Amino acid sequence: MKDFKVVYDDEEDILYIAKEGKEEEVVELSPGVNVELDSSGKLIGIELFNASNILKDVIEPIDKRIKAA
């Protein structure tokens, strides 16, 4: 995962985890969660639409720890 970069678009509420590569296929794992694959079928990206809602159970505990520090 070290080659992957994380980008968050706060206007669209999309979290994107990706590395360099040419997207050949997009697979919807569930509504709002897509994976992008290259021509070899290797993972090059993950898109989380409505990310703040999907990740709220992760974000809230982290936010509490940051505020307590």
C-alpha atoms as a PDB file:
ATOM      1  CA  MET A   1       0.000   0.000   0.000  1.00  0.00           C
ATOM      2  CA  LYS A   2       3.019   2.310   0.174  1.00  0.00           C
ATOM      3  CA  ASP A   3       2.562   3.310  -3.481  1.00  0.00           C
ATOM      4  CA  PHE A   4      -1.011   4.427  -2.870  1.00  0.00           C
ATOM      5  CA  LYS A   5      -1.964   8.040  -2.211  1.00  0.00           C
ATOM      6  CA  VAL A   6      -5.098   9.223  -0.425  1.00  0.00           C
ATOM      7  CA  VAL A   7      -7.122  12.164  -1.704  1.00  0.00           C
ATOM      8  CA  TYR A   8     -10.345  13.483  -0.225  1.00  0.00           C
ATOM      9  CA  ASP A   9     -12.714  15.752  -2.146  1.00  0.00           C
ATOM     10  CA  ASP A  10     -14.722  17.492   0.578  1.00  0.00           C
ATOM     11  CA  GLU A  11     -17.111  19.155  -1.892  1.00  0.00           C
ATOM     12  CA  GLU A  12     -18.151  15.806  -3.377  1.00  0.00           C
ATOM     13  CA  ASP A  13     -17.433  13.773  -0.195  1.00  0.00           C
ATOM     14  CA  ILE A  14     -15.345  11.231  -2.101  1.00  0.00           C
ATOM     15  CA  LEU A  15     -12.301   9.483  -0.664  1.00  0.00           C
ATOM     16  CA  TYR A  16      -9.952   8.178  -3.329  1.00  0.00           C
ATOM     17  CA  ILE A  17      -7.068   5.805  -2.642  1.00  0.00           C
ATOM     18  CA  ALA A  18      -4.956   5.285  -5.746  1.00  0.00           C
ATOM     19  CA  LYS A  19      -1.605   4.613  -7.305  1.00  0.00           C
ATOM     20  CA  GLU A  20      -0.240   5.256 -10.776  1.00  0.00           C
ATOM     21  CA  GLY A  21      -1.747   3.179 -13.522  1.00  0.00           C
ATOM     22  CA  LYS A  22      -4.249   3.170 -16.339  1.00  0.00           C
ATOM     23  CA  GLU A  23      -7.765   2.237 -15.345  1.00  0.00           C
ATOM     24  CA  GLU A  24      -9.196  -0.526 -17.512  1.00  0.00           C
ATOM     25  CA  GLU A  25     -12.110  -1.679 -15.389  1.00  0.00           C
ATOM     26  CA  VAL A  26     -14.273  -0.379 -12.547  1.00  0.00           C
ATOM     27  CA  VAL A  27     -16.044  -2.853 -10.281  1.00  0.00           C
ATOM     28  CA  GLU A  28     -18.784  -1.713  -7.915  1.00  0.00           C
ATOM     29  CA  LEU A  29     -18.334  -3.681  -4.687  1.00  0.00           C
ATOM     30  CA  SER A  30     -21.389  -2.127  -3.099  1.00  0.00           C
ATOM     31  CA  PRO A  31     -23.323   1.099  -3.622  1.00  0.00           C
ATOM     32  CA  GLY A  32     -20.802   3.921  -3.282  1.00  0.00           C
ATOM     33  CA  VAL A  33     -17.713   1.680  -3.185  1.00  0.00           C
ATOM     34  CA  ASN A  34     -15.809   1.106  -6.424  1.00  0.00           C
ATOM     35  CA  VAL A  35     -12.463  -0.481  -7.175  1.00  0.00           C
ATOM     36  CA  GLU A  36     -10.438   0.346 -10.247  1.00  0.00           C
ATOM     37  CA  LEU A  37      -8.300  -2.284 -11.945  1.00  0.00           C
ATOM     38  CA  ASP A  38      -5.570  -2.078 -14.556  1.00  0.00           C
ATOM     39  CA  SER A  39      -5.321  -4.287 -17.656  1.00  0.00           C
ATOM     40  CA  SER A  40      -3.730  -7.070 -15.550  1.00  0.00           C
ATOM     41  CA  GLY A  41      -6.583  -6.996 -13.058  1.00  0.00           C
ATOM     42  CA  LYS A  42      -4.413  -5.408 -10.376  1.00  0.00           C
ATOM     43  CA  LEU A  43      -5.912  -2.899  -7.982  1.00  0.00           C
ATOM     44  CA  ILE A  44      -4.979   0.689  -8.762  1.00  0.00           C
ATOM     45  CA  GLY A  45      -7.749   2.604  -7.016  1.00  0.00           C
ATOM     46  CA  ILE A  46     -10.597   2.611  -4.526  1.00  0.00           C
ATOM     47  CA  GLU A  47     -13.370   5.207  -4.544  1.00  0.00           C
ATOM     48  CA  LEU A  48     -15.643   5.770  -1.567  1.00  0.00           C
ATOM     49  CA  PHE A  49     -18.612   7.973  -2.387  1.00  0.00           C
ATOM     50  CA  ASN A  50     -20.376   9.580   0.605  1.00  0.00           C
ATOM     51  CA  ALA A  51     -17.143   8.842   2.453  1.00  0.00           C
ATOM     52  CA  SER A  52     -17.947  10.752   5.639  1.00  0.00           C
ATOM     53  CA  ASN A  53     -20.999   8.586   6.191  1.00  0.00           C
ATOM     54  CA  ILE A  54     -19.303   5.298   5.286  1.00  0.00           C
ATOM     55  CA  LEU A  55     -16.311   6.040   7.525  1.00  0.00           C
ATOM     56  CA  LYS A  56     -18.081   7.818  10.407  1.00  0.00           C
ATOM     57  CA  ASP A  57     -17.440   4.912  12.805  1.00  0.00           C
ATOM     58  CA  VAL A  58     -13.719   5.278  12.045  1.00  0.00           C
ATOM     59  CA  ILE A  59     -13.513   9.070  11.895  1.00  0.00           C
ATOM     60  CA  GLU A  60     -15.291   9.834  15.182  1.00  0.00           C
ATOM     61  CA  PRO A  61     -12.889   7.864  17.458  1.00  0.00           C
ATOM     62  CA  ILE A  62      -9.870   9.343  15.665  1.00  0.00           C
ATOM     63  CA  ASP A  63     -11.299  12.845  16.039  1.00  0.00           C
ATOM     64  CA  LYS A  64     -11.818  12.283  19.780  1.00  0.00           C
ATOM     65  CA  ARG A  65      -8.203  11.154  20.194  1.00  0.00           C
ATOM     66  CA  ILE A  66      -6.903  14.164  18.310  1.00  0.00           C
ATOM     67  CA  LYS A  67      -8.944  16.559  20.444  1.00  0.00           C
ATOM     68  CA  ALA A  68      -7.774  14.859  23.658  1.00  0.00           C
ATOM     69  CA  ALA A  69      -4.086  15.113  22.682  1.00  0.00           C
END
